[in-house]
Each structure stands twice: as C-alpha cells, then as structure tokens.
C-alpha atoms as a PDB file:
ATOM      1  CA  MET A   1      19.551   3.107 -22.221  1.00  0.00           C
ATOM      2  CA  LEU A   2      23.322   1.523 -22.064  1.00  0.00           C
ATOM      3  CA  ASP A   3      24.389  -0.652 -24.708  1.00  0.00           C
ATOM      4  CA  GLU A   4      25.177  -4.192 -23.253  1.00  0.00           C
ATOM      5  CA  GLN A   5      29.416  -3.771 -23.602  1.00  0.00           C
ATOM      6  CA  THR A   6      29.091  -0.640 -21.596  1.00  0.00           C
ATOM      7  CA  GLN A   7      26.718  -1.985 -19.085  1.00  0.00           C
ATOM      8  CA  ALA A   8      28.937  -5.136 -18.547  1.00  0.00           C
ATOM      9  CA  GLN A   9      31.941  -2.700 -17.632  1.00  0.00           C
ATOM     10  CA  LEU A  10      30.377  -0.887 -14.943  1.00  0.00           C
ATOM     11  CA  SER A  11      30.392  -2.281 -11.218  1.00  0.00           C
ATOM     12  CA  PRO A  12      27.355  -2.597  -9.412  1.00  0.00           C
ATOM     13  CA  LYS A  13      28.694   0.788  -7.228  1.00  0.00           C
ATOM     14  CA  GLN A  14      28.654   2.544 -10.415  1.00  0.00           C
ATOM     15  CA  LYS A  15      25.536   1.368 -12.000  1.00  0.00           C
ATOM     16  CA  GLN A  16      23.774   2.723  -8.469  1.00  0.00           C
ATOM     17  CA  ASP A  17      25.185   5.798  -8.981  1.00  0.00           C
ATOM     18  CA  ILE A  18      23.988   6.655 -12.330  1.00  0.00           C
ATOM     19  CA  GLU A  19      20.684   5.807 -10.924  1.00  0.00           C
ATOM     20  CA  ASN A  20      20.866   7.934  -8.306  1.00  0.00           C
ATOM     21  CA  ALA A  21      21.940  10.927 -10.305  1.00  0.00           C
ATOM     22  CA  ILE A  22      19.218  10.413 -12.954  1.00  0.00           C
ATOM     23  CA  ILE A  23      16.896  10.266 -10.130  1.00  0.00           C
ATOM     24  CA  SER A  24      18.033  13.502  -8.743  1.00  0.00           C
ATOM     25  CA  VAL A  25      17.668  15.553 -11.934  1.00  0.00           C
ATOM     26  CA  THR A  26      14.251  14.514 -12.747  1.00  0.00           C
ATOM     27  CA  LEU A  27      10.996  16.211 -11.288  1.00  0.00           C
ATOM     28  CA  SER A  28       9.369  13.294  -9.820  1.00  0.00           C
ATOM     29  CA  SER A  29      12.161  12.866  -7.242  1.00  0.00           C
ATOM     30  CA  ARG A  30      10.571  16.426  -5.442  1.00  0.00           C
ATOM     31  CA  HIS A  31       8.003  14.486  -3.743  1.00  0.00           C
ATOM     32  CA  ARG A  32       7.522  14.466   0.351  1.00  0.00           C
ATOM     33  CA  ILE A  33       7.748  10.609   0.153  1.00  0.00           C
ATOM     34  CA  ASP A  34      10.018   9.046  -2.820  1.00  0.00           C
ATOM     35  CA  ILE A  35      11.050   5.521  -2.170  1.00  0.00           C
ATOM     36  CA  ARG A  36      12.477   3.735  -5.400  1.00  0.00           C
ATOM     37  CA  LYS A  37      13.998   0.422  -4.860  1.00  0.00           C
ATOM     38  CA  SER A  38      15.189  -2.520  -7.077  1.00  0.00           C
ATOM     39  CA  PHE A  39      15.856  -5.902  -6.642  1.00  0.00           C
ATOM     40  CA  PRO A  40      16.725  -9.117  -8.257  1.00  0.00           C
ATOM     41  CA  PHE A  41      14.613 -11.839  -8.817  1.00  0.00           C
ATOM     42  CA  PHE A  42      15.511 -15.043 -10.592  1.00  0.00           C
ATOM     43  CA  GLY A  43      17.986 -13.351 -12.910  1.00  0.00           C
ATOM     44  CA  THR A  44      15.669  -9.990 -13.711  1.00  0.00           C
ATOM     45  CA  ARG A  45      15.881  -6.665 -11.926  1.00  0.00           C
ATOM     46  CA  TYR A  46      12.338  -5.443 -10.741  1.00  0.00           C
ATOM     47  CA  PHE A  47      11.715  -2.196  -9.303  1.00  0.00           C
ATOM     48  CA  LEU A  48       9.279  -0.905  -7.125  1.00  0.00           C
ATOM     49  CA  VAL A  49       7.998   3.264  -6.671  1.00  0.00           C
ATOM     50  CA  PHE A  50       6.093   4.918  -4.490  1.00  0.00           C
ATOM     51  CA  LEU A  51       5.538   8.845  -4.664  1.00  0.00           C
ATOM     52  CA  LEU A  52       3.589  10.970  -2.715  1.00  0.00           C
ATOM     53  CA  GLY A  53       3.305  14.750  -2.904  1.00  0.00           C
ATOM     54  CA  ARG A  54       1.510  17.163  -4.736  1.00  0.00           C
ATOM     55  CA  ASP A  55       1.334  16.826  -8.576  1.00  0.00           C
ATOM     56  CA  LEU A  56       3.698  19.415 -10.340  1.00  0.00           C
ATOM     57  CA  ARG A  57       2.655  18.447 -13.872  1.00  0.00           C
ATOM     58  CA  LYS A  58       1.164  21.291 -15.779  1.00  0.00           C
ATOM     59  CA  ARG A  59      -1.291  19.264 -17.879  1.00  0.00           C
ATOM     60  CA  LEU A  60      -3.558  16.829 -15.682  1.00  0.00           C
ATOM     61  CA  ARG A  61      -4.107  13.273 -16.835  1.00  0.00           C
ATOM     62  CA  LYS A  62      -7.387  12.249 -18.576  1.00  0.00           C
ATOM     63  CA  GLU A  63      -8.916   9.475 -16.422  1.00  0.00           C
ATOM     64  CA  SER A  64     -11.604   7.126 -18.273  1.00  0.00           C
ATOM     65  CA  ALA A  65     -15.050   6.835 -16.358  1.00  0.00           C
ATOM     66  CA  ILE A  66     -14.267   3.415 -15.794  1.00  0.00           C
ATOM     67  CA  THR A  67     -11.076   4.112 -13.678  1.00  0.00           C
ATOM     68  CA  ARG A  68     -12.799   6.740 -11.678  1.00  0.00           C
ATOM     69  CA  VAL A  69     -15.907   3.895 -10.933  1.00  0.00           C
ATOM     70  CA  VAL A  70     -13.472   1.346 -10.048  1.00  0.00           C
ATOM     71  CA  MET A  71     -11.413   3.888  -7.869  1.00  0.00           C
ATOM     72  CA  THR A  72     -14.435   5.019  -6.303  1.00  0.00           C
ATOM     73  CA  PHE A  73     -15.756   1.350  -5.476  1.00  0.00           C
ATOM     74  CA  LEU A  74     -11.674   0.521  -4.047  1.00  0.00           C
ATOM     75  CA  ILE A  75     -12.057   3.627  -1.851  1.00  0.00           C
ATOM     76  CA  LEU A  76     -15.257   2.863  -0.800  1.00  0.00           C
ATOM     77  CA  PHE A  77     -14.883  -0.881   0.110  1.00  0.00           C
ATOM     78  CA  GLY A  78     -11.485   0.123   1.835  1.00  0.00           C
ATOM     79  CA  VAL A  79     -13.313   2.609   4.203  1.00  0.00           C
ATOM     80  CA  LEU A  80     -16.141  -0.317   4.600  1.00  0.00           C
ATOM     81  CA  PHE A  81     -13.658  -2.765   5.902  1.00  0.00           C
ATOM     82  CA  ALA A  82     -11.770  -0.396   8.002  1.00  0.00           C
ATOM     83  CA  THR A  83     -14.992   0.725   9.707  1.00  0.00           C
ATOM     84  CA  LEU A  84     -16.216  -2.990  10.226  1.00  0.00           C
ATOM     85  CA  CYS A  85     -12.435  -4.079  11.682  1.00  0.00           C
ATOM     86  CA  VAL A  86     -12.810  -1.009  14.265  1.00  0.00           C
ATOM     87  CA  LEU A  87     -16.769  -2.308  14.976  1.00  0.00           C
ATOM     88  CA  LEU A  88     -15.819  -5.913  15.322  1.00  0.00           C
ATOM     89  CA  THR A  89     -12.358  -4.882  17.140  1.00  0.00           C
ATOM     90  CA  LEU A  90     -14.801  -2.778  19.823  1.00  0.00           C
ATOM     91  CA  TYR A  91     -17.083  -5.399  20.140  1.00  0.00           C
ATOM     92  CA  MET A  92     -14.519  -7.838  20.732  1.00  0.00           C
ATOM     93  CA  ILE A  93     -13.512  -5.772  23.846  1.00  0.00           C
ATOM     94  CA  LYS A  94     -16.594  -4.655  24.838  1.00  0.00           C
ATOM     95  CA  SER A  95     -17.446  -8.647  25.236  1.00  0.00           C
ATOM     96  CA  ALA A  96     -14.022  -9.316  26.966  1.00  0.00           C
ATOM     97  CA  LEU A  97     -14.908  -6.899  29.734  1.00  0.00           C
ATOM     98  CA  GLY A  98     -18.325  -8.603  29.804  1.00  0.00           C
ATOM     99  CA  ILE A  99     -20.097  -5.103  29.041  1.00  0.00           C
ATOM    100  CA  ASP A 100     -23.741  -5.754  27.962  1.00  0.00           C
ATOM    101  CA  LEU A 101     -24.830  -2.878  26.106  1.00  0.00           C
ATOM    102  CA  ILE A 102     -28.498  -4.814  25.601  1.00  0.00           C
ATOM    103  CA  HIS A 103     -29.681  -6.882  28.401  1.00  0.00           C
ATOM    104  CA  ASP A 104     -29.642 -10.914  27.874  1.00  0.00           C
ATOM    105  CA  TYR A 105     -28.888 -10.087  23.858  1.00  0.00           C
ATOM    106  CA  HIS A 106     -25.660 -10.885  22.168  1.00  0.00           C
ATOM    107  CA  VAL A 107     -24.339 -11.576  18.828  1.00  0.00           C
ATOM    108  CA  GLY A 108     -22.442 -14.780  19.206  1.00  0.00           C
ATOM    109  CA  ILE A 109     -19.590 -13.324  17.890  1.00  0.00           C
ATOM    110  CA  TRP A 110     -17.648 -13.603  21.342  1.00  0.00           C
ATOM    111  CA  ASP A 111     -19.095 -17.181  22.298  1.00  0.00           C
ATOM    112  CA  TRP A 112     -17.903 -18.414  18.930  1.00  0.00           C
ATOM    113  CA  TRP A 113     -14.227 -16.808  19.456  1.00  0.00           C
ATOM    114  CA  LEU A 114     -13.888 -18.823  22.873  1.00  0.00           C
ATOM    115  CA  SER A 115     -15.256 -22.127  21.205  1.00  0.00           C
ATOM    116  CA  LEU A 116     -12.549 -21.827  18.684  1.00  0.00           C
ATOM    117  CA  ARG A 117      -9.676 -21.376  21.568  1.00  0.00           C
ATOM    118  CA  ASN A 118     -11.244 -24.344  23.555  1.00  0.00           C
ATOM    119  CA  LYS A 119     -10.830 -26.919  20.446  1.00  0.00           C
END
C-alpha cells in the first residue's frame, strides 16, 4: 500500500500501470478468464474480480458443511429455475403454433397471456 503523499503524486495512468504490473506477477492472473475492473462510486473506489480456470493452489481450502449445503441448494435452484424457464418457453411456442398435445386440455397459461395483451 502506498502512503497518501506518494499516491497523491501519481497520475491515474501511473496508478493503472502499477495495478497492471502487480496483477501480471501474481499467481491468480494465470486463469483462462481474468476480469478485473475498478470503478469510482461516490468518491470511493470499488473493484470487481471474476476469475475462471483451474485451481492451481497446492493446499485446498477447507469448506464448511454449511457452505456446501448452501451451494448445493443454490445450484439445484438454478438448474430447476432454468429447466422451468425452458419448459415454459416450449409451452408458449407450442401454444402460439396451435399444437394440442392432449385433445381439449389446456393449462391456461397461453389464454392468460393473451388476456394480458388485450387489456
């Protein structure tokens, strides 16, 4: 961390160059996808880091059981939500084309959608 006096003397270009130099020599920069952005927000700088790639660390991080359970539920919820969205999209396409899979049986989503559009 630079002291305030030194930091005040640097131009934004110099600060960016120092940040890029530090990133280029770290282990974490050897990922297939490496997105690092910082942005000002009401006088304070915030940063966003997104890394994707193989874990190159020698020691694995210990995860708590709660973390694993939460991640499992989040992944399960995400997959379930994506599946329901795909099924709903297929149903809406089927209904728009006028295809009946079961004769004289309709779930009613398409009719509800049309009633919203007609208001």
